Amino acid sequence: MSTMATAKDLATIAKKLDGTIEAAHFDRKAFKVKRIYATLAADGFTANLKFSLDEQELKCLMHPQAFAPVANAWGQKGWTTVKLASLSVAELRTALESAWRHALPTRKKS
């Protein structure tokens, strides 16, 4: 069995994604490029990641023990709570990379 993901894994992976900076966001740590794409709960057990609505639906359907929409209006915008210990490090990396791509600055058409 592969190692389950931790808060330290999330921070390490996120900081390696191009352009990511870590900042405080209320009682959480936030990871952002142009926009925030991930926040880590103060207890280190969960994180919120920003997916497209289609990605959120698929992840919650395929891995409900790990992914659930945030239980408010933010959840209806793709924000998804992730139970870190329910994911392998590789699964967390894939999820973070997906959220990171959505937060990248959009290219202007010339």
Protein backbone atom coordinates (compact mmCIF):
# COMPACT_ATOMS: atom_id res chain seq x y z
CA MET A 1 0.00 0.00 0.00
CA SER A 2 1.27 3.47 -0.81
CA THR A 3 1.88 6.08 1.83
CA MET A 4 -1.13 8.22 2.72
CA ALA A 5 -0.82 11.95 2.14
CA THR A 6 -0.14 14.45 4.92
CA ALA A 7 -0.23 18.21 5.35
CA LYS A 8 3.54 18.25 4.84
CA ASP A 9 3.11 16.44 1.50
CA LEU A 10 0.53 19.00 0.39
CA ALA A 11 2.80 21.93 1.22
CA THR A 12 5.83 20.29 -0.42
CA ILE A 13 3.96 19.44 -3.64
CA ALA A 14 2.21 22.82 -3.87
CA LYS A 15 5.41 24.81 -3.38
CA LYS A 16 7.00 22.91 -6.30
CA LEU A 17 4.21 23.95 -8.69
CA ASP A 18 5.46 26.84 -10.81
CA GLY A 19 4.66 30.27 -9.42
CA THR A 20 3.04 29.04 -6.19
CA ILE A 21 3.36 31.11 -3.07
CA GLU A 22 2.14 30.28 0.43
CA ALA A 23 0.11 32.86 2.34
CA ALA A 24 -2.15 33.05 5.35
CA HIS A 25 -5.88 32.83 4.63
CA PHE A 26 -7.95 33.24 7.81
CA ASP A 27 -7.01 30.25 10.00
CA ARG A 28 -5.63 28.28 7.04
CA LYS A 29 -2.51 28.20 4.87
CA ALA A 30 -3.28 29.14 1.29
CA PHE A 31 -1.39 28.20 -1.86
CA LYS A 32 -1.85 30.44 -4.87
CA VAL A 33 -0.55 31.56 -8.21
CA LYS A 34 -2.83 34.20 -9.75
CA ARG A 35 -5.64 32.95 -7.45
CA ILE A 36 -5.83 30.63 -4.45
CA TYR A 37 -6.17 27.01 -5.53
CA ALA A 38 -5.68 25.20 -2.23
CA THR A 39 -6.08 25.91 1.47
CA LEU A 40 -4.87 23.69 4.28
CA ALA A 41 -6.89 23.42 7.49
CA ALA A 42 -5.17 24.44 10.72
CA ASP A 43 -5.45 20.85 12.02
CA GLY A 44 -3.62 19.54 8.92
CA PHE A 45 -6.16 16.79 8.27
CA THR A 46 -8.08 18.36 5.39
CA ALA A 47 -7.54 20.79 2.56
CA ASN A 48 -9.87 22.62 0.21
CA LEU A 49 -9.00 22.49 -3.49
CA LYS A 50 -10.60 24.42 -6.35
CA PHE A 51 -11.75 22.21 -9.21
CA SER A 52 -14.05 22.74 -12.15
CA LEU A 53 -17.58 21.57 -11.36
CA ASP A 54 -17.10 18.54 -13.65
CA GLU A 55 -13.85 17.57 -11.92
CA GLN A 56 -15.46 18.02 -8.51
CA GLU A 57 -18.40 15.82 -9.46
CA LEU A 58 -16.15 13.08 -10.85
CA LYS A 59 -13.76 13.08 -7.88
CA CYS A 60 -16.62 13.00 -5.36
CA LEU A 61 -18.31 10.17 -7.26
CA MET A 62 -15.18 8.06 -7.75
CA HIS A 63 -13.55 8.62 -4.34
CA PRO A 64 -16.29 9.77 -1.88
CA GLN A 65 -14.23 8.86 1.18
CA ALA A 66 -11.62 11.43 0.11
CA PHE A 67 -13.53 14.21 -1.71
CA ALA A 68 -16.70 16.17 -0.84
CA PRO A 69 -17.98 19.57 -1.98
CA VAL A 70 -17.41 22.31 0.60
CA ALA A 71 -20.72 22.55 2.48
CA ASN A 72 -21.70 26.08 1.46
CA ALA A 73 -21.90 28.30 -1.61
CA TRP A 74 -18.15 27.82 -2.19
CA GLY A 75 -18.82 24.13 -2.83
CA GLN A 76 -21.15 25.14 -5.66
CA LYS A 77 -18.20 26.93 -7.26
CA GLY A 78 -15.96 23.84 -7.31
CA TRP A 79 -14.30 24.13 -3.90
CA THR A 80 -13.85 20.61 -2.61
CA THR A 81 -12.76 19.31 0.80
CA VAL A 82 -10.09 16.63 0.67
CA LYS A 83 -9.34 14.22 3.52
CA LEU A 84 -5.58 13.97 3.14
CA ALA A 85 -5.20 10.56 4.83
CA SER A 86 -7.66 9.09 2.31
CA LEU A 87 -5.31 9.82 -0.60
CA SER A 88 -1.93 8.51 -1.61
CA VAL A 89 0.77 11.10 -2.22
CA ALA A 90 0.42 10.46 -5.98
CA GLU A 91 -3.36 11.04 -5.85
CA LEU A 92 -2.83 14.26 -3.90
CA ARG A 93 -0.23 15.42 -6.45
CA THR A 94 -2.69 14.83 -9.31
CA ALA A 95 -5.47 16.70 -7.49
CA LEU A 96 -3.20 19.64 -6.61
CA GLU A 97 -1.90 19.90 -10.17
CA SER A 98 -5.46 20.04 -11.45
CA ALA A 99 -6.44 22.79 -9.00
CA TRP A 100 -3.20 24.69 -9.75
CA ARG A 101 -3.92 24.70 -13.51
CA HIS A 102 -7.24 26.46 -12.87
CA ALA A 103 -5.51 29.20 -10.87
CA LEU A 104 -2.91 30.07 -13.50
CA PRO A 105 -3.24 33.47 -15.16
CA THR A 106 -5.15 33.29 -18.41
CA ARG A 107 -3.23 34.21 -21.51
CA LYS A 108 -4.37 37.35 -23.30
CA LYS A 109 -5.15 36.95 -26.96
CA SER A 110 -3.12 39.28 -29.16
